[in-house]
Amino acid sequence: MKTTRHCFALDLKNNPELIAEYKEYHSAGNVWPEVIKSIKDSGIVDLQIYLVENRMFMIMEVDETFDAEKKATMDANNPKVQEWEDLMWTFQQALPWAKKGEKWIPMEKVFQL
C-alpha cells in the first residue's frame, strides 16, 4: 500500500500545567475511542505528535483513500469527535499566522535526503 506523509504544526498555550494535562490526554489509552476510530476510518495509517516547548508537530501517514475534506465532514458530524476537538482547543492556540479558525498548519518540506 502506498502512503503519503503530511506534516503540520500547532502551538499549545504556554502554560506548564496545561501542557502536562494535554500530554496526559494523549498518553497511551487516554485518547477517546471515537477519536481513534475517526482517525483510522479516514485512511490515516499512522499519526504521531511531537512537542518542543509549546510547539507541536504532527506527522501523518495516509493511504490512498484519505481525503482531508471527507475527514473534516465526518468529524463535523460526529458529536464525540467535536467534543474532543473543543476540549483540545482549551489547550491549543493558533500559530501567529493562522487564519481565523485554522488549527493545524501544513508544514513546507524544504529538504529530503
PDB file of N, CA and C in Angstrom:
ATOM      1  N   MET A   1       0.843  -1.173   0.000  1.00  0.00           N
ATOM      2  CA  MET A   1       0.000   0.000   0.000  1.00  0.00           C
ATOM      3  C   MET A   1       0.894   1.244   0.000  1.00  0.00           C
ATOM      4  N   LYS A   2       0.602   2.156  -0.890  1.00  0.00           N
ATOM      5  CA  LYS A   2       1.344   3.407  -0.985  1.00  0.00           C
ATOM      6  C   LYS A   2       0.782   4.399   0.039  1.00  0.00           C
ATOM      7  N   THR A   3       1.673   5.070   0.748  1.00  0.00           N
ATOM      8  CA  THR A   3       1.247   6.082   1.702  1.00  0.00           C
ATOM      9  C   THR A   3       1.898   7.416   1.364  1.00  0.00           C
ATOM     10  N   THR A   4       1.285   8.461   1.891  1.00  0.00           N
ATOM     11  CA  THR A   4       1.782   9.824   1.741  1.00  0.00           C
ATOM     12  C   THR A   4       1.923  10.425   3.127  1.00  0.00           C
ATOM     13  N   ARG A   5       2.953  11.219   3.324  1.00  0.00           N
ATOM     14  CA  ARG A   5       3.192  11.856   4.615  1.00  0.00           C
ATOM     15  C   ARG A   5       2.717  13.307   4.569  1.00  0.00           C
ATOM     16  N   HIS A   6       2.015  13.700   5.636  1.00  0.00           N
ATOM     17  CA  HIS A   6       1.582  15.085   5.827  1.00  0.00           C
ATOM     18  C   HIS A   6       2.131  15.547   7.168  1.00  0.00           C
ATOM     19  N   CYS A   7       2.681  16.763   7.215  1.00  0.00           N
ATOM     20  CA  CYS A   7       3.255  17.308   8.446  1.00  0.00           C
ATOM     21  C   CYS A   7       2.621  18.658   8.755  1.00  0.00           C
ATOM     22  N   PHE A   8       2.290  18.848  10.040  1.00  0.00           N
ATOM     23  CA  PHE A   8       1.581  20.050  10.472  1.00  0.00           C
ATOM     24  C   PHE A   8       2.201  20.593  11.758  1.00  0.00           C
ATOM     25  N   ALA A   9       1.929  21.869  12.042  1.00  0.00           N
ATOM     26  CA  ALA A   9       2.392  22.487  13.285  1.00  0.00           C
ATOM     27  C   ALA A   9       1.226  23.215  13.956  1.00  0.00           C
ATOM     28  N   LEU A  10       1.318  23.311  15.283  1.00  0.00           N
ATOM     29  CA  LEU A  10       0.322  23.998  16.100  1.00  0.00           C
ATOM     30  C   LEU A  10       0.964  24.298  17.439  1.00  0.00           C
ATOM     31  N   ASP A  11       0.533  25.349  18.093  1.00  0.00           N
ATOM     32  CA  ASP A  11       1.045  25.683  19.418  1.00  0.00           C
ATOM     33  C   ASP A  11       0.070  25.273  20.509  1.00  0.00           C
ATOM     34  N   LEU A  12       0.645  24.907  21.647  1.00  0.00           N
ATOM     35  CA  LEU A  12      -0.134  24.805  22.872  1.00  0.00           C
ATOM     36  C   LEU A  12      -0.005  26.123  23.608  1.00  0.00           C
ATOM     37  N   LYS A  13      -0.959  26.430  24.453  1.00  0.00           N
ATOM     38  CA  LYS A  13      -0.826  27.599  25.310  1.00  0.00           C
ATOM     39  C   LYS A  13       0.411  27.386  26.181  1.00  0.00           C
ATOM     40  N   ASN A  14       1.204  28.408  26.329  1.00  0.00           N
ATOM     41  CA  ASN A  14       2.486  28.277  27.009  1.00  0.00           C
ATOM     42  C   ASN A  14       2.291  28.294  28.524  1.00  0.00           C
ATOM     43  N   ASN A  15       1.735  27.191  29.033  1.00  0.00           N
ATOM     44  CA  ASN A  15       1.421  27.043  30.442  1.00  0.00           C
ATOM     45  C   ASN A  15       1.796  25.612  30.832  1.00  0.00           C
ATOM     46  N   PRO A  16       2.798  25.435  31.688  1.00  0.00           N
ATOM     47  CA  PRO A  16       3.267  24.076  32.008  1.00  0.00           C
ATOM     48  C   PRO A  16       2.176  23.138  32.514  1.00  0.00           C
ATOM     49  N   GLU A  17       1.232  23.640  33.292  1.00  0.00           N
ATOM     50  CA  GLU A  17       0.158  22.777  33.794  1.00  0.00           C
ATOM     51  C   GLU A  17      -0.759  22.313  32.661  1.00  0.00           C
ATOM     52  N   LEU A  18      -1.099  23.237  31.757  1.00  0.00           N
ATOM     53  CA  LEU A  18      -1.946  22.871  30.621  1.00  0.00           C
ATOM     54  C   LEU A  18      -1.221  21.898  29.692  1.00  0.00           C
ATOM     55  N   ILE A  19       0.077  22.121  29.475  1.00  0.00           N
ATOM     56  CA  ILE A  19       0.850  21.232  28.613  1.00  0.00           C
ATOM     57  C   ILE A  19       0.888  19.832  29.213  1.00  0.00           C
ATOM     58  N   ALA A  20       1.100  19.744  30.517  1.00  0.00           N
ATOM     59  CA  ALA A  20       1.116  18.429  31.184  1.00  0.00           C
ATOM     60  C   ALA A  20      -0.235  17.740  31.052  1.00  0.00           C
ATOM     61  N   GLU A  21      -1.321  18.481  31.197  1.00  0.00           N
ATOM     62  CA  GLU A  21      -2.654  17.893  31.062  1.00  0.00           C
ATOM     63  C   GLU A  21      -2.904  17.434  29.623  1.00  0.00           C
ATOM     64  N   TYR A  22      -2.482  18.236  28.655  1.00  0.00           N
ATOM     65  CA  TYR A  22      -2.620  17.865  27.243  1.00  0.00           C
ATOM     66  C   TYR A  22      -1.872  16.563  26.973  1.00  0.00           C
ATOM     67  N   LYS A  23      -0.640  16.458  27.473  1.00  0.00           N
ATOM     68  CA  LYS A  23       0.150  15.245  27.286  1.00  0.00           C
ATOM     69  C   LYS A  23      -0.536  14.044  27.927  1.00  0.00           C
ATOM     70  N   GLU A  24      -1.163  14.244  29.070  1.00  0.00           N
ATOM     71  CA  GLU A  24      -1.874  13.150  29.734  1.00  0.00           C
ATOM     72  C   GLU A  24      -3.044  12.663  28.876  1.00  0.00           C
ATOM     73  N   TYR A  25      -3.791  13.588  28.272  1.00  0.00           N
ATOM     74  CA  TYR A  25      -4.893  13.191  27.380  1.00  0.00           C
ATOM     75  C   TYR A  25      -4.385  12.350  26.210  1.00  0.00           C
ATOM     76  N   HIS A  26      -3.131  12.568  25.806  1.00  0.00           N
ATOM     77  CA  HIS A  26      -2.586  11.869  24.653  1.00  0.00           C
ATOM     78  C   HIS A  26      -1.698  10.682  25.023  1.00  0.00           C
ATOM     79  N   SER A  27      -1.604  10.365  26.302  1.00  0.00           N
ATOM     80  CA  SER A  27      -0.808   9.203  26.694  1.00  0.00           C
ATOM     81  C   SER A  27      -1.564   7.920  26.326  1.00  0.00           C
ATOM     82  N   ALA A  28      -0.835   6.818  26.311  1.00  0.00           N
ATOM     83  CA  ALA A  28      -1.384   5.536  25.863  1.00  0.00           C
ATOM     84  C   ALA A  28      -2.711   5.208  26.549  1.00  0.00           C
ATOM     85  N   GLY A  29      -3.719   4.953  25.729  1.00  0.00           N
ATOM     86  CA  GLY A  29      -5.022   4.541  26.230  1.00  0.00           C
ATOM     87  C   GLY A  29      -5.953   5.675  26.618  1.00  0.00           C
ATOM     88  N   ASN A  30      -5.502   6.924  26.568  1.00  0.00           N
ATOM     89  CA  ASN A  30      -6.345   8.031  27.018  1.00  0.00           C
ATOM     90  C   ASN A  30      -7.075   8.771  25.899  1.00  0.00           C
ATOM     91  N   VAL A  31      -6.634   8.599  24.658  1.00  0.00           N
ATOM     92  CA  VAL A  31      -7.362   9.232  23.553  1.00  0.00           C
ATOM     93  C   VAL A  31      -8.684   8.493  23.397  1.00  0.00           C
ATOM     94  N   TRP A  32      -9.761   9.237  23.323  1.00  0.00           N
ATOM     95  CA  TRP A  32     -11.092   8.625  23.270  1.00  0.00           C
ATOM     96  C   TRP A  32     -11.202   7.664  22.087  1.00  0.00           C
ATOM     97  N   PRO A  33     -11.883   6.516  22.277  1.00  0.00           N
ATOM     98  CA  PRO A  33     -12.008   5.520  21.199  1.00  0.00           C
ATOM     99  C   PRO A  33     -12.667   6.081  19.941  1.00  0.00           C
ATOM    100  N   GLU A  34     -13.599   6.988  20.101  1.00  0.00           N
ATOM    101  CA  GLU A  34     -14.276   7.582  18.933  1.00  0.00           C
ATOM    102  C   GLU A  34     -13.296   8.392  18.090  1.00  0.00           C
ATOM    103  N   VAL A  35     -12.334   9.012  18.735  1.00  0.00           N
ATOM    104  CA  VAL A  35     -11.320   9.794  18.025  1.00  0.00           C
ATOM    105  C   VAL A  35     -10.378   8.856  17.278  1.00  0.00           C
ATOM    106  N   ILE A  36      -9.951   7.786  17.939  1.00  0.00           N
ATOM    107  CA  ILE A  36      -9.089   6.794  17.284  1.00  0.00           C
ATOM    108  C   ILE A  36      -9.804   6.192  16.078  1.00  0.00           C
ATOM    109  N   LYS A  37     -11.080   5.844  16.238  1.00  0.00           N
ATOM    110  CA  LYS A  37     -11.856   5.270  15.137  1.00  0.00           C
ATOM    111  C   LYS A  37     -11.947   6.248  13.969  1.00  0.00           C
ATOM    112  N   SER A  38     -12.205   7.517  14.269  1.00  0.00           N
ATOM    113  CA  SER A  38     -12.288   8.535  13.227  1.00  0.00           C
ATOM    114  C   SER A  38     -10.978   8.640  12.458  1.00  0.00           C
ATOM    115  N   ILE A  39      -9.873   8.602  13.177  1.00  0.00           N
ATOM    116  CA  ILE A  39      -8.556   8.681  12.542  1.00  0.00           C
ATOM    117  C   ILE A  39      -8.356   7.497  11.606  1.00  0.00           C
ATOM    118  N   LYS A  40      -8.584   6.293  12.119  1.00  0.00           N
ATOM    119  CA  LYS A  40      -8.355   5.084  11.322  1.00  0.00           C
ATOM    120  C   LYS A  40      -9.325   4.968  10.149  1.00  0.00           C
ATOM    121  N   ASP A  41     -10.593   5.305  10.383  1.00  0.00           N
ATOM    122  CA  ASP A  41     -11.599   5.200   9.322  1.00  0.00           C
ATOM    123  C   ASP A  41     -11.335   6.157   8.162  1.00  0.00           C
ATOM    124  N   SER A  42     -10.577   7.216   8.414  1.00  0.00           N
ATOM    125  CA  SER A  42     -10.340   8.222   7.374  1.00  0.00           C
ATOM    126  C   SER A  42      -9.198   7.867   6.432  1.00  0.00           C
ATOM    127  N   GLY A  43      -8.450   6.809   6.749  1.00  0.00           N
ATOM    128  CA  GLY A  43      -7.316   6.444   5.907  1.00  0.00           C
ATOM    129  C   GLY A  43      -5.973   6.878   6.471  1.00  0.00           C
ATOM    130  N   ILE A  44      -5.974   7.372   7.701  1.00  0.00           N
ATOM    131  CA  ILE A  44      -4.708   7.681   8.365  1.00  0.00           C
ATOM    132  C   ILE A  44      -4.184   6.373   8.941  1.00  0.00           C
ATOM    133  N   VAL A  45      -2.993   5.963   8.496  1.00  0.00           N
ATOM    134  CA  VAL A  45      -2.445   4.683   8.943  1.00  0.00           C
ATOM    135  C   VAL A  45      -1.444   4.855  10.077  1.00  0.00           C
ATOM    136  N   ASP A  46      -0.909   6.053  10.239  1.00  0.00           N
ATOM    137  CA  ASP A  46      -0.017   6.347  11.365  1.00  0.00           C
ATOM    138  C   ASP A  46      -0.106   7.838  11.651  1.00  0.00           C
ATOM    139  N   LEU A  47      -0.088   8.175  12.927  1.00  0.00           N
ATOM    140  CA  LEU A  47      -0.160   9.576  13.326  1.00  0.00           C
ATOM    141  C   LEU A  47       0.696   9.731  14.583  1.00  0.00           C
ATOM    142  N   GLN A  48       1.618  10.680  14.530  1.00  0.00           N
ATOM    143  CA  GLN A  48       2.488  10.953  15.664  1.00  0.00           C
ATOM    144  C   GLN A  48       2.499  12.453  15.919  1.00  0.00           C
ATOM    145  N   ILE A  49       2.555  12.827  17.192  1.00  0.00           N
ATOM    146  CA  ILE A  49       2.659  14.237  17.580  1.00  0.00           C
ATOM    147  C   ILE A  49       3.912  14.392  18.420  1.00  0.00           C
ATOM    148  N   TYR A  50       4.713  15.383  18.072  1.00  0.00           N
ATOM    149  CA  TYR A  50       5.937  15.708  18.799  1.00  0.00           C
ATOM    150  C   TYR A  50       5.782  17.099  19.397  1.00  0.00           C
ATOM    151  N   LEU A  51       6.478  17.318  20.504  1.00  0.00           N
ATOM    152  CA  LEU A  51       6.369  18.577  21.225  1.00  0.00           C
ATOM    153  C   LEU A  51       7.761  19.128  21.511  1.00  0.00           C
ATOM    154  N   VAL A  52       7.959  20.423  21.230  1.00  0.00           N
ATOM    155  CA  VAL A  52       9.160  21.168  21.605  1.00  0.00           C
ATOM    156  C   VAL A  52       8.666  22.430  22.293  1.00  0.00           C
ATOM    157  N   GLU A  53       8.968  22.529  23.614  1.00  0.00           N
ATOM    158  CA  GLU A  53       8.415  23.628  24.408  1.00  0.00           C
ATOM    159  C   GLU A  53       6.896  23.569  24.269  1.00  0.00           C
ATOM    160  N   ASN A  54       6.287  24.589  23.636  1.00  0.00           N
ATOM    161  CA  ASN A  54       4.840  24.550  23.449  1.00  0.00           C
ATOM    162  C   ASN A  54       4.439  24.405  21.974  1.00  0.00           C
ATOM    163  N   ARG A  55       5.398  24.177  21.084  1.00  0.00           N
ATOM    164  CA  ARG A  55       5.088  23.977  19.671  1.00  0.00           C
ATOM    165  C   ARG A  55       5.001  22.491  19.376  1.00  0.00           C
ATOM    166  N   MET A  56       3.920  22.105  18.705  1.00  0.00           N
ATOM    167  CA  MET A  56       3.685  20.710  18.362  1.00  0.00           C
ATOM    168  C   MET A  56       3.847  20.499  16.861  1.00  0.00           C
ATOM    169  N   PHE A  57       4.277  19.289  16.528  1.00  0.00           N
ATOM    170  CA  PHE A  57       4.400  18.868  15.140  1.00  0.00           C
ATOM    171  C   PHE A  57       3.680  17.540  14.992  1.00  0.00           C
ATOM    172  N   MET A  58       2.790  17.462  14.025  1.00  0.00           N
ATOM    173  CA  MET A  58       2.037  16.239  13.771  1.00  0.00           C
ATOM    174  C   MET A  58       2.489  15.666  12.430  1.00  0.00           C
ATOM    175  N   ILE A  59       2.795  14.380  12.446  1.00  0.00           N
ATOM    176  CA  ILE A  59       3.200  13.686  11.229  1.00  0.00           C
ATOM    177  C   ILE A  59       2.191  12.568  10.981  1.00  0.00           C
ATOM    178  N   MET A  60       1.542  12.631   9.833  1.00  0.00           N
ATOM    179  CA  MET A  60       0.537  11.638   9.468  1.00  0.00           C
ATOM    180  C   MET A  60       0.996  10.877   8.227  1.00  0.00           C
ATOM    181  N   GLU A  61       0.811   9.583   8.267  1.00  0.00           N
ATOM    182  CA  GLU A  61       0.968   8.754   7.068  1.00  0.00           C
ATOM    183  C   GLU A  61      -0.447   8.348   6.665  1.00  0.00           C
ATOM    184  N   VAL A  62      -0.820   8.648   5.439  1.00  0.00           N
ATOM    185  CA  VAL A  62      -2.174   8.351   4.972  1.00  0.00           C
ATOM    186  C   VAL A  62      -2.112   7.433   3.760  1.00  0.00           C
ATOM    187  N   ASP A  63      -3.151   6.610   3.624  1.00  0.00           N
ATOM    188  CA  ASP A  63      -3.216   5.760   2.436  1.00  0.00           C
ATOM    189  C   ASP A  63      -3.973   6.488   1.332  1.00  0.00           C
ATOM    190  N   GLU A  64      -4.135   5.800   0.207  1.00  0.00           N
ATOM    191  CA  GLU A  64      -4.738   6.444  -0.962  1.00  0.00           C
ATOM    192  C   GLU A  64      -6.229   6.746  -0.786  1.00  0.00           C
ATOM    193  N   THR A  65      -6.860   6.221   0.257  1.00  0.00           N
ATOM    194  CA  THR A  65      -8.279   6.515   0.488  1.00  0.00           C
ATOM    195  C   THR A  65      -8.482   7.820   1.260  1.00  0.00           C
ATOM    196  N   PHE A  66      -7.413   8.391   1.818  1.00  0.00           N
ATOM    197  CA  PHE A  66      -7.547   9.586   2.656  1.00  0.00           C
ATOM    198  C   PHE A  66      -7.938  10.799   1.823  1.00  0.00           C
ATOM    199  N   ASP A  67      -8.910  11.544   2.359  1.00  0.00           N
ATOM    200  CA  ASP A  67      -9.350  12.803   1.767  1.00  0.00           C
ATOM    201  C   ASP A  67      -9.622  13.756   2.929  1.00  0.00           C
ATOM    202  N   ALA A  68      -8.872  14.841   3.005  1.00  0.00           N
ATOM    203  CA  ALA A  68      -8.967  15.766   4.138  1.00  0.00           C
ATOM    204  C   ALA A  68     -10.364  16.362   4.273  1.00  0.00           C
ATOM    205  N   GLU A  69     -10.987  16.721   3.168  1.00  0.00           N
ATOM    206  CA  GLU A  69     -12.336  17.298   3.230  1.00  0.00           C
ATOM    207  C   GLU A  69     -13.342  16.268   3.734  1.00  0.00           C
ATOM    208  N   LYS A  70     -13.209  15.031   3.280  1.00  0.00           N
ATOM    209  CA  LYS A  70     -14.103  13.964   3.736  1.00  0.00           C
ATOM    210  C   LYS A  70     -13.933  13.732   5.238  1.00  0.00           C
ATOM    211  N   LYS A  71     -12.674  13.732   5.717  1.00  0.00           N
ATOM    212  CA  LYS A  71     -12.432  13.569   7.149  1.00  0.00           C
ATOM    213  C   LYS A  71     -13.045  14.720   7.933  1.00  0.00           C
ATOM    214  N   ALA A  72     -12.885  15.931   7.456  1.00  0.00           N
ATOM    215  CA  ALA A  72     -13.456  17.096   8.142  1.00  0.00           C
ATOM    216  C   ALA A  72     -14.978  16.977   8.227  1.00  0.00           C
ATOM    217  N   THR A  73     -15.611  16.516   7.165  1.00  0.00           N
ATOM    218  CA  THR A  73     -17.068  16.328   7.166  1.00  0.00           C
ATOM    219  C   THR A  73     -17.468  15.231   8.139  1.00  0.00           C
ATOM    220  N   MET A  74     -16.729  14.108   8.121  1.00  0.00           N
ATOM    221  CA  MET A  74     -17.020  13.011   9.053  1.00  0.00           C
ATOM    222  C   MET A  74     -16.909  13.504  10.497  1.00  0.00           C
ATOM    223  N   ASP A  75     -15.839  14.240  10.781  1.00  0.00           N
ATOM    224  CA  ASP A  75     -15.619  14.730  12.144  1.00  0.00           C
ATOM    225  C   ASP A  75     -16.679  15.742  12.564  1.00  0.00           C
ATOM    226  N   ALA A  76     -17.092  16.594  11.643  1.00  0.00           N
ATOM    227  CA  ALA A  76     -18.113  17.601  11.951  1.00  0.00           C
ATOM    228  C   ALA A  76     -19.445  16.951  12.302  1.00  0.00           C
ATOM    229  N   ASN A  77     -19.681  15.747  11.775  1.00  0.00           N
ATOM    230  CA  ASN A  77     -20.932  15.041  12.031  1.00  0.00           C
ATOM    231  C   ASN A  77     -20.830  14.034  13.171  1.00  0.00           C
ATOM    232  N   ASN A  78     -19.717  14.036  13.892  1.00  0.00           N
ATOM    233  CA  ASN A  78     -19.513  13.108  14.994  1.00  0.00           C
ATOM    234  C   ASN A  78     -19.439  13.902  16.301  1.00  0.00           C
ATOM    235  N   PRO A  79     -20.502  13.859  17.118  1.00  0.00           N
ATOM    236  CA  PRO A  79     -20.533  14.673  18.345  1.00  0.00           C
ATOM    237  C   PRO A  79     -19.377  14.393  19.303  1.00  0.00           C
ATOM    238  N   LYS A  80     -18.928  13.136  19.420  1.00  0.00           N
ATOM    239  CA  LYS A  80     -17.818  12.832  20.335  1.00  0.00           C
ATOM    240  C   LYS A  80     -16.503  13.412  19.816  1.00  0.00           C
ATOM    241  N   VAL A  81     -16.286  13.351  18.528  1.00  0.00           N
ATOM    242  CA  VAL A  81     -15.076  13.946  17.952  1.00  0.00           C
ATOM    243  C   VAL A  81     -15.113  15.457  18.146  1.00  0.00           C
ATOM    244  N   GLN A  82     -16.281  16.061  17.956  1.00  0.00           N
ATOM    245  CA  GLN A  82     -16.394  17.503  18.171  1.00  0.00           C
ATOM    246  C   GLN A  82     -16.159  17.871  19.635  1.00  0.00           C
ATOM    247  N   GLU A  83     -16.651  17.042  20.535  1.00  0.00           N
ATOM    248  CA  GLU A  83     -16.421  17.273  21.967  1.00  0.00           C
ATOM    249  C   GLU A  83     -14.917  17.217  22.268  1.00  0.00           C
ATOM    250  N   TRP A  84     -14.221  16.235  21.690  1.00  0.00           N
ATOM    251  CA  TRP A  84     -12.767  16.114  21.859  1.00  0.00           C
ATOM    252  C   TRP A  84     -12.065  17.356  21.297  1.00  0.00           C
ATOM    253  N   GLU A  85     -12.453  17.768  20.097  1.00  0.00           N
ATOM    254  CA  GLU A  85     -11.827  18.940  19.476  1.00  0.00           C
ATOM    255  C   GLU A  85     -12.036  20.189  20.327  1.00  0.00           C
ATOM    256  N   ASP A  86     -13.225  20.370  20.846  1.00  0.00           N
ATOM    257  CA  ASP A  86     -13.493  21.520  21.720  1.00  0.00           C
ATOM    258  C   ASP A  86     -12.625  21.452  22.975  1.00  0.00           C
ATOM    259  N   LEU A  87     -12.501  20.264  23.552  1.00  0.00           N
ATOM    260  CA  LEU A  87     -11.662  20.085  24.732  1.00  0.00           C
ATOM    261  C   LEU A  87     -10.204  20.398  24.397  1.00  0.00           C
ATOM    262  N   MET A  88      -9.705  19.891  23.273  1.00  0.00           N
ATOM    263  CA  MET A  88      -8.306  20.121  22.892  1.00  0.00           C
ATOM    264  C   MET A  88      -8.031  21.594  22.633  1.00  0.00           C
ATOM    265  N   TRP A  89      -9.028  22.306  22.136  1.00  0.00           N
ATOM    266  CA  TRP A  89      -8.847  23.734  21.836  1.00  0.00           C
ATOM    267  C   TRP A  89      -8.623  24.542  23.124  1.00  0.00           C
ATOM    268  N   THR A  90      -9.015  23.993  24.271  1.00  0.00           N
ATOM    269  CA  THR A  90      -8.739  24.698  25.537  1.00  0.00           C
ATOM    270  C   THR A  90      -7.248  24.692  25.849  1.00  0.00           C
ATOM    271  N   PHE A  91      -6.488  23.776  25.244  1.00  0.00           N
ATOM    272  CA  PHE A  91      -5.041  23.688  25.444  1.00  0.00           C
ATOM    273  C   PHE A  91      -4.263  24.329  24.295  1.00  0.00           C
ATOM    274  N   GLN A  92      -4.884  24.390  23.144  1.00  0.00           N
ATOM    275  CA  GLN A  92      -4.195  24.801  21.926  1.00  0.00           C
ATOM    276  C   GLN A  92      -4.411  26.277  21.631  1.00  0.00           C
ATOM    277  N   GLN A  93      -3.478  26.830  20.855  1.00  0.00           N
ATOM    278  CA  GLN A  93      -3.661  28.186  20.332  1.00  0.00           C
ATOM    279  C   GLN A  93      -3.125  28.211  18.914  1.00  0.00           C
ATOM    280  N   ALA A  94      -3.756  28.993  18.104  1.00  0.00           N
ATOM    281  CA  ALA A  94      -3.360  29.058  16.697  1.00  0.00           C
ATOM    282  C   ALA A  94      -1.970  29.668  16.566  1.00  0.00           C
ATOM    283  N   LEU A  95      -1.267  29.244  15.542  1.00  0.00           N
ATOM    284  CA  LEU A  95       0.008  29.871  15.226  1.00  0.00           C
ATOM    285  C   LEU A  95      -0.241  31.324  14.829  1.00  0.00           C
ATOM    286  N   PRO A  96       0.733  32.195  15.032  1.00  0.00           N
ATOM    287  CA  PRO A  96       0.512  33.630  14.776  1.00  0.00           C
ATOM    288  C   PRO A  96       0.016  33.953  13.370  1.00  0.00           C
ATOM    289  N   TRP A  97       0.381  33.180  12.379  1.00  0.00           N
ATOM    290  CA  TRP A  97      -0.004  33.464  11.001  1.00  0.00           C
ATOM    291  C   TRP A  97      -1.231  32.674  10.545  1.00  0.00           C
ATOM    292  N   ALA A  98      -1.858  31.926  11.445  1.00  0.00           N
ATOM    293  CA  ALA A  98      -3.028  31.124  11.084  1.00  0.00           C
ATOM    294  C   ALA A  98      -4.217  32.018  10.759  1.00  0.00           C
ATOM    295  N   LYS A  99      -5.033  31.537   9.835  1.00  0.00           N
ATOM    296  CA  LYS A  99      -6.281  32.223   9.525  1.00  0.00           C
ATOM    297  C   LYS A  99      -7.285  31.929  10.635  1.00  0.00           C
ATOM    298  N   LYS A 100      -8.293  32.756  10.762  1.00  0.00           N
ATOM    299  CA  LYS A 100      -9.305  32.568  11.800  1.00  0.00           C
ATOM    300  C   LYS A 100      -9.904  31.165  11.714  1.00  0.00           C
ATOM    301  N   GLY A 101      -9.931  30.467  12.864  1.00  0.00           N
ATOM    302  CA  GLY A 101     -10.492  29.128  12.941  1.00  0.00           C
ATOM    303  C   GLY A 101      -9.552  28.021  12.492  1.00  0.00           C
ATOM    304  N   GLU A 102      -8.383  28.370  11.968  1.00  0.00           N
ATOM    305  CA  GLU A 102      -7.433  27.383  11.479  1.00  0.00           C
ATOM    306  C   GLU A 102      -6.609  26.848  12.643  1.00  0.00           C
ATOM    307  N   LYS A 103      -6.439  25.539  12.700  1.00  0.00           N
ATOM    308  CA  LYS A 103      -5.669  24.921  13.779  1.00  0.00           C
ATOM    309  C   LYS A 103      -4.323  24.440  13.248  1.00  0.00           C
ATOM    310  N   TRP A 104      -4.260  23.196  12.870  1.00  0.00           N
ATOM    311  CA  TRP A 104      -3.007  22.619  12.394  1.00  0.00           C
ATOM    312  C   TRP A 104      -2.647  23.219  11.034  1.00  0.00           C
ATOM    313  N   ILE A 105      -1.425  23.770  10.937  1.00  0.00           N
ATOM    314  CA  ILE A 105      -0.966  24.419   9.710  1.00  0.00           C
ATOM    315  C   ILE A 105      -0.013  23.470   8.974  1.00  0.00           C
ATOM    316  N   PRO A 106      -0.251  23.233   7.680  1.00  0.00           N
ATOM    317  CA  PRO A 106       0.656  22.362   6.935  1.00  0.00           C
ATOM    318  C   PRO A 106       2.077  22.935   6.909  1.00  0.00           C
ATOM    319  N   MET A 107       3.047  22.041   7.092  1.00  0.00           N
ATOM    320  CA  MET A 107       4.452  22.449   7.038  1.00  0.00           C
ATOM    321  C   MET A 107       4.971  22.273   5.619  1.00  0.00           C
ATOM    322  N   GLU A 108       5.915  23.099   5.244  1.00  0.00           N
ATOM    323  CA  GLU A 108       6.533  23.032   3.928  1.00  0.00           C
ATOM    324  C   GLU A 108       7.819  22.200   4.010  1.00  0.00           C
ATOM    325  N   LYS A 109       7.929  21.213   3.153  1.00  0.00           N
ATOM    326  CA  LYS A 109       9.157  20.410   3.102  1.00  0.00           C
ATOM    327  C   LYS A 109      10.228  21.243   2.396  1.00  0.00           C
ATOM    328  N   VAL A 110      11.386  21.385   3.034  1.00  0.00           N
ATOM    329  CA  VAL A 110      12.464  22.160   2.437  1.00  0.00           C
ATOM    330  C   VAL A 110      13.708  21.311   2.144  1.00  0.00           C
ATOM    331  N   PHE A 111      13.727  20.058   2.611  1.00  0.00           N
ATOM    332  CA  PHE A 111      14.869  19.187   2.345  1.00  0.00           C
ATOM    333  C   PHE A 111      14.448  17.730   2.488  1.00  0.00           C
ATOM    334  N   GLN A 112      15.025  16.897   1.627  1.00  0.00           N
ATOM    335  CA  GLN A 112      14.851  15.451   1.756  1.00  0.00           C
ATOM    336  C   GLN A 112      16.106  14.782   1.228  1.00  0.00           C
ATOM    337  N   LEU A 113      16.622  13.828   1.961  1.00  0.00           N
ATOM    338  CA  LEU A 113      17.825  13.112   1.580  1.00  0.00           C
ATOM    339  C   LEU A 113      17.485  12.005   0.615  1.00  0.00           C
TER     340      LEU A 113
END
